[in-house]
Amino acid sequence: MNVFNQALIAATLVTATTFAVADTAVNKSAITAVSTTTVKQALTLKDDSKVQLKGYIVKATGDEKYQFRDHTGSINVDIDDELWNGKAISAKTPVVITGEVDIDYKPAKRIEIDVDAVQF
Protein backbone atom coordinates (compact mmCIF):
# COMPACT_ATOMS: atom_id res chain seq x y z
CA MET A 1 0.00 0.00 0.00
CA ASN A 2 1.50 3.33 -0.99
CA VAL A 3 1.59 6.46 1.16
CA PHE A 4 -1.29 8.08 -0.72
CA ASN A 5 -3.63 5.15 -0.03
CA GLN A 6 -2.61 5.13 3.64
CA ALA A 7 -3.33 8.87 3.91
CA LEU A 8 -6.68 8.45 2.16
CA ILE A 9 -7.71 5.65 4.54
CA ALA A 10 -6.59 7.71 7.56
CA ALA A 11 -8.53 10.76 6.34
CA THR A 12 -11.64 8.63 5.78
CA LEU A 13 -11.41 7.21 9.31
CA VAL A 14 -10.98 10.68 10.84
CA THR A 15 -13.94 12.02 8.84
CA ALA A 16 -16.15 9.07 9.84
CA THR A 17 -15.16 9.43 13.50
CA THR A 18 -15.78 13.18 13.44
CA PHE A 19 -19.18 12.63 11.84
CA ALA A 20 -20.10 10.01 14.44
CA VAL A 21 -19.08 12.32 17.30
CA ALA A 22 -20.97 15.24 15.77
CA ASP A 23 -24.02 13.04 15.18
CA THR A 24 -23.99 11.89 18.82
CA ALA A 25 -23.72 15.48 20.04
CA VAL A 26 -26.68 16.47 17.87
CA ASN A 27 -28.76 13.56 19.16
CA LYS A 28 -28.00 14.40 22.80
CA SER A 29 -28.86 18.06 22.30
CA ALA A 30 -32.09 17.07 20.54
CA ILE A 31 -33.08 14.99 23.56
CA THR A 32 -32.35 17.78 26.02
CA ALA A 33 -34.05 20.40 23.80
CA VAL A 34 -37.46 18.73 24.18
CA SER A 35 -39.70 20.77 26.48
CA THR A 36 -41.48 19.04 29.33
CA THR A 37 -44.83 17.51 28.42
CA THR A 38 -47.55 16.30 30.77
CA VAL A 39 -49.21 12.91 30.46
CA LYS A 40 -52.46 14.63 29.50
CA GLN A 41 -50.68 16.45 26.64
CA ALA A 42 -48.78 13.33 25.53
CA LEU A 43 -52.04 11.44 25.11
CA THR A 44 -53.12 13.99 22.45
CA LEU A 45 -49.88 14.04 20.42
CA LYS A 46 -49.20 12.34 17.09
CA ASP A 47 -47.28 9.08 16.75
CA ASP A 48 -43.48 9.52 17.03
CA SER A 49 -43.76 12.93 18.75
CA LYS A 50 -40.78 13.60 21.03
CA VAL A 51 -41.67 14.04 24.70
CA GLN A 52 -40.05 14.60 28.07
CA LEU A 53 -42.14 13.73 31.12
CA LYS A 54 -41.47 14.42 34.81
CA GLY A 55 -43.14 12.19 37.35
CA TYR A 56 -42.99 8.71 38.85
CA ILE A 57 -42.80 5.10 37.72
CA VAL A 58 -45.56 3.70 39.91
CA LYS A 59 -45.53 0.03 38.95
CA ALA A 60 -44.16 -2.61 36.62
CA THR A 61 -46.82 -4.05 34.30
CA GLY A 62 -44.81 -6.57 32.28
CA ASP A 63 -41.50 -7.21 30.57
CA GLU A 64 -39.89 -3.74 30.29
CA LYS A 65 -43.38 -2.19 30.63
CA TYR A 66 -44.27 0.26 33.41
CA GLN A 67 -46.97 2.69 34.44
CA PHE A 68 -45.81 6.31 34.64
CA ARG A 69 -47.77 8.96 36.53
CA ASP A 70 -47.61 12.74 36.84
CA HIS A 71 -50.07 15.28 38.26
CA THR A 72 -52.26 15.04 35.10
CA GLY A 73 -52.66 11.28 34.75
CA SER A 74 -50.89 8.03 33.91
CA ILE A 75 -49.55 6.36 30.78
CA ASN A 76 -47.81 3.10 29.94
CA VAL A 77 -44.11 3.36 29.13
CA ASP A 78 -41.64 0.95 27.56
CA ILE A 79 -38.20 1.21 29.20
CA ASP A 80 -35.36 -1.06 28.09
CA ASP A 81 -33.63 -2.72 31.06
CA GLU A 82 -30.23 -1.16 30.28
CA LEU A 83 -31.66 2.37 30.68
CA TRP A 84 -32.00 1.79 34.44
CA ASN A 85 -28.18 1.60 34.78
CA GLY A 86 -28.64 -0.83 37.67
CA LYS A 87 -30.48 1.74 39.80
CA ALA A 88 -33.46 0.56 41.83
CA ILE A 89 -36.28 3.04 42.32
CA SER A 90 -39.59 3.16 44.16
CA ALA A 91 -42.93 4.74 43.31
CA LYS A 92 -41.74 7.81 45.27
CA THR A 93 -38.55 8.34 43.22
CA PRO A 94 -38.96 11.32 40.86
CA VAL A 95 -37.77 10.61 37.31
CA VAL A 96 -37.56 12.41 33.99
CA ILE A 97 -38.16 10.22 30.97
CA THR A 98 -37.41 11.23 27.41
CA GLY A 99 -38.77 9.35 24.42
CA GLU A 100 -41.48 9.35 21.82
CA VAL A 101 -45.18 8.67 21.60
CA ASP A 102 -45.99 5.23 20.21
CA ILE A 103 -49.55 4.70 18.98
CA ASP A 104 -50.89 1.31 17.90
CA TYR A 105 -54.41 1.00 16.49
CA LYS A 106 -54.89 -2.77 16.36
CA PRO A 107 -56.67 -4.50 17.94
CA ALA A 108 -57.63 -1.29 19.79
CA LYS A 109 -55.99 2.12 20.07
CA ARG A 110 -53.12 2.02 22.56
CA ILE A 111 -50.79 4.92 23.41
CA GLU A 112 -47.51 4.49 25.24
CA ILE A 113 -44.14 6.17 25.47
CA ASP A 114 -41.10 4.41 24.01
CA VAL A 115 -38.44 5.68 26.39
CA ASP A 116 -34.94 6.64 25.15
CA ALA A 117 -33.52 7.97 28.44
CA VAL A 118 -34.29 7.94 32.16
CA GLN A 119 -32.91 10.58 34.54
CA PHE A 120 -33.09 10.13 38.29
C-alpha atoms as a PDB file:
ATOM      1  CA  MET A   1       0.000   0.000   0.000  1.00  0.00           C
ATOM      2  CA  ASN A   2       1.500   3.334  -0.995  1.00  0.00           C
ATOM      3  CA  VAL A   3       1.595   6.465   1.163  1.00  0.00           C
ATOM      4  CA  PHE A   4      -1.288   8.083  -0.725  1.00  0.00           C
ATOM      5  CA  ASN A   5      -3.632   5.151  -0.032  1.00  0.00           C
ATOM      6  CA  GLN A   6      -2.610   5.131   3.642  1.00  0.00           C
ATOM      7  CA  ALA A   7      -3.326   8.870   3.907  1.00  0.00           C
ATOM      8  CA  LEU A   8      -6.678   8.451   2.156  1.00  0.00           C
ATOM      9  CA  ILE A   9      -7.713   5.650   4.542  1.00  0.00           C
ATOM     10  CA  ALA A  10      -6.592   7.708   7.564  1.00  0.00           C
ATOM     11  CA  ALA A  11      -8.535  10.757   6.337  1.00  0.00           C
ATOM     12  CA  THR A  12     -11.635   8.631   5.779  1.00  0.00           C
ATOM     13  CA  LEU A  13     -11.409   7.213   9.309  1.00  0.00           C
ATOM     14  CA  VAL A  14     -10.983  10.681  10.837  1.00  0.00           C
ATOM     15  CA  THR A  15     -13.945  12.016   8.843  1.00  0.00           C
ATOM     16  CA  ALA A  16     -16.145   9.066   9.839  1.00  0.00           C
ATOM     17  CA  THR A  17     -15.156   9.432  13.499  1.00  0.00           C
ATOM     18  CA  THR A  18     -15.776  13.184  13.437  1.00  0.00           C
ATOM     19  CA  PHE A  19     -19.180  12.635  11.845  1.00  0.00           C
ATOM     20  CA  ALA A  20     -20.100  10.009  14.442  1.00  0.00           C
ATOM     21  CA  VAL A  21     -19.079  12.322  17.303  1.00  0.00           C
ATOM     22  CA  ALA A  22     -20.974  15.237  15.770  1.00  0.00           C
ATOM     23  CA  ASP A  23     -24.016  13.044  15.182  1.00  0.00           C
ATOM     24  CA  THR A  24     -23.986  11.889  18.819  1.00  0.00           C
ATOM     25  CA  ALA A  25     -23.721  15.478  20.040  1.00  0.00           C
ATOM     26  CA  VAL A  26     -26.680  16.472  17.867  1.00  0.00           C
ATOM     27  CA  ASN A  27     -28.760  13.557  19.155  1.00  0.00           C
ATOM     28  CA  LYS A  28     -28.004  14.405  22.796  1.00  0.00           C
ATOM     29  CA  SER A  29     -28.861  18.063  22.303  1.00  0.00           C
ATOM     30  CA  ALA A  30     -32.090  17.073  20.537  1.00  0.00           C
ATOM     31  CA  ILE A  31     -33.078  14.991  23.557  1.00  0.00           C
ATOM     32  CA  THR A  32     -32.345  17.783  26.019  1.00  0.00           C
ATOM     33  CA  ALA A  33     -34.047  20.402  23.800  1.00  0.00           C
ATOM     34  CA  VAL A  34     -37.456  18.729  24.184  1.00  0.00           C
ATOM     35  CA  SER A  35     -39.704  20.766  26.482  1.00  0.00           C
ATOM     36  CA  THR A  36     -41.483  19.036  29.332  1.00  0.00           C
ATOM     37  CA  THR A  37     -44.828  17.509  28.421  1.00  0.00           C
ATOM     38  CA  THR A  38     -47.552  16.302  30.765  1.00  0.00           C
ATOM     39  CA  VAL A  39     -49.211  12.907  30.455  1.00  0.00           C
ATOM     40  CA  LYS A  40     -52.455  14.630  29.496  1.00  0.00           C
ATOM     41  CA  GLN A  41     -50.680  16.453  26.640  1.00  0.00           C
ATOM     42  CA  ALA A  42     -48.779  13.330  25.529  1.00  0.00           C
ATOM     43  CA  LEU A  43     -52.041  11.438  25.109  1.00  0.00           C
ATOM     44  CA  THR A  44     -53.119  13.986  22.452  1.00  0.00           C
ATOM     45  CA  LEU A  45     -49.883  14.038  20.421  1.00  0.00           C
ATOM     46  CA  LYS A  46     -49.196  12.336  17.092  1.00  0.00           C
ATOM     47  CA  ASP A  47     -47.284   9.077  16.751  1.00  0.00           C
ATOM     48  CA  ASP A  48     -43.476   9.517  17.027  1.00  0.00           C
ATOM     49  CA  SER A  49     -43.759  12.931  18.754  1.00  0.00           C
ATOM     50  CA  LYS A  50     -40.776  13.601  21.031  1.00  0.00           C
ATOM     51  CA  VAL A  51     -41.672  14.039  24.695  1.00  0.00           C
ATOM     52  CA  GLN A  52     -40.053  14.600  28.067  1.00  0.00           C
ATOM     53  CA  LEU A  53     -42.143  13.728  31.120  1.00  0.00           C
ATOM     54  CA  LYS A  54     -41.470  14.424  34.806  1.00  0.00           C
ATOM     55  CA  GLY A  55     -43.143  12.192  37.352  1.00  0.00           C
ATOM     56  CA  TYR A  56     -42.990   8.711  38.853  1.00  0.00           C
ATOM     57  CA  ILE A  57     -42.799   5.102  37.723  1.00  0.00           C
ATOM     58  CA  VAL A  58     -45.562   3.704  39.913  1.00  0.00           C
ATOM     59  CA  LYS A  59     -45.534   0.026  38.950  1.00  0.00           C
ATOM     60  CA  ALA A  60     -44.159  -2.611  36.618  1.00  0.00           C
ATOM     61  CA  THR A  61     -46.816  -4.047  34.304  1.00  0.00           C
ATOM     62  CA  GLY A  62     -44.815  -6.572  32.281  1.00  0.00           C
ATOM     63  CA  ASP A  63     -41.502  -7.207  30.569  1.00  0.00           C
ATOM     64  CA  GLU A  64     -39.892  -3.738  30.294  1.00  0.00           C
ATOM     65  CA  LYS A  65     -43.380  -2.192  30.628  1.00  0.00           C
ATOM     66  CA  TYR A  66     -44.268   0.257  33.407  1.00  0.00           C
ATOM     67  CA  GLN A  67     -46.965   2.685  34.435  1.00  0.00           C
ATOM     68  CA  PHE A  68     -45.806   6.309  34.641  1.00  0.00           C
ATOM     69  CA  ARG A  69     -47.770   8.960  36.535  1.00  0.00           C
ATOM     70  CA  ASP A  70     -47.608  12.739  36.840  1.00  0.00           C
ATOM     71  CA  HIS A  71     -50.075  15.283  38.258  1.00  0.00           C
ATOM     72  CA  THR A  72     -52.258  15.041  35.102  1.00  0.00           C
ATOM     73  CA  GLY A  73     -52.660  11.278  34.749  1.00  0.00           C
ATOM     74  CA  SER A  74     -50.895   8.033  33.914  1.00  0.00           C
ATOM     75  CA  ILE A  75     -49.551   6.363  30.781  1.00  0.00           C
ATOM     76  CA  ASN A  76     -47.806   3.104  29.943  1.00  0.00           C
ATOM     77  CA  VAL A  77     -44.111   3.361  29.133  1.00  0.00           C
ATOM     78  CA  ASP A  78     -41.637   0.947  27.555  1.00  0.00           C
ATOM     79  CA  ILE A  79     -38.205   1.212  29.205  1.00  0.00           C
ATOM     80  CA  ASP A  80     -35.363  -1.065  28.086  1.00  0.00           C
ATOM     81  CA  ASP A  81     -33.634  -2.719  31.059  1.00  0.00           C
ATOM     82  CA  GLU A  82     -30.235  -1.161  30.276  1.00  0.00           C
ATOM     83  CA  LEU A  83     -31.660   2.370  30.684  1.00  0.00           C
ATOM     84  CA  TRP A  84     -32.004   1.788  34.441  1.00  0.00           C
ATOM     85  CA  ASN A  85     -28.185   1.600  34.785  1.00  0.00           C
ATOM     86  CA  GLY A  86     -28.635  -0.830  37.670  1.00  0.00           C
ATOM     87  CA  LYS A  87     -30.483   1.738  39.798  1.00  0.00           C
ATOM     88  CA  ALA A  88     -33.460   0.558  41.829  1.00  0.00           C
ATOM     89  CA  ILE A  89     -36.284   3.044  42.318  1.00  0.00           C
ATOM     90  CA  SER A  90     -39.590   3.163  44.160  1.00  0.00           C
ATOM     91  CA  ALA A  91     -42.931   4.743  43.310  1.00  0.00           C
ATOM     92  CA  LYS A  92     -41.738   7.811  45.272  1.00  0.00           C
ATOM     93  CA  THR A  93     -38.551   8.342  43.224  1.00  0.00           C
ATOM     94  CA  PRO A  94     -38.960  11.317  40.863  1.00  0.00           C
ATOM     95  CA  VAL A  95     -37.773  10.611  37.308  1.00  0.00           C
ATOM     96  CA  VAL A  96     -37.562  12.408  33.994  1.00  0.00           C
ATOM     97  CA  ILE A  97     -38.161  10.217  30.967  1.00  0.00           C
ATOM     98  CA  THR A  98     -37.411  11.229  27.408  1.00  0.00           C
ATOM     99  CA  GLY A  99     -38.773   9.351  24.416  1.00  0.00           C
ATOM    100  CA  GLU A 100     -41.483   9.346  21.817  1.00  0.00           C
ATOM    101  CA  VAL A 101     -45.179   8.670  21.605  1.00  0.00           C
ATOM    102  CA  ASP A 102     -45.986   5.227  20.214  1.00  0.00           C
ATOM    103  CA  ILE A 103     -49.550   4.701  18.985  1.00  0.00           C
ATOM    104  CA  ASP A 104     -50.895   1.310  17.901  1.00  0.00           C
ATOM    105  CA  TYR A 105     -54.405   0.999  16.487  1.00  0.00           C
ATOM    106  CA  LYS A 106     -54.887  -2.771  16.361  1.00  0.00           C
ATOM    107  CA  PRO A 107     -56.668  -4.502  17.940  1.00  0.00           C
ATOM    108  CA  ALA A 108     -57.630  -1.290  19.795  1.00  0.00           C
ATOM    109  CA  LYS A 109     -55.994   2.123  20.074  1.00  0.00           C
ATOM    110  CA  ARG A 110     -53.116   2.020  22.557  1.00  0.00           C
ATOM    111  CA  ILE A 111     -50.794   4.918  23.410  1.00  0.00           C
ATOM    112  CA  GLU A 112     -47.513   4.487  25.241  1.00  0.00           C
ATOM    113  CA  ILE A 113     -44.138   6.167  25.466  1.00  0.00           C
ATOM    114  CA  ASP A 114     -41.103   4.406  24.006  1.00  0.00           C
ATOM    115  CA  VAL A 115     -38.436   5.680  26.391  1.00  0.00           C
ATOM    116  CA  ASP A 116     -34.944   6.638  25.149  1.00  0.00           C
ATOM    117  CA  ALA A 117     -33.516   7.971  28.440  1.00  0.00           C
ATOM    118  CA  VAL A 118     -34.293   7.943  32.162  1.00  0.00           C
ATOM    119  CA  GLN A 119     -32.912  10.577  34.539  1.00  0.00           C
ATOM    120  CA  PHE A 120     -33.089  10.128  38.293  1.00  0.00           C
END
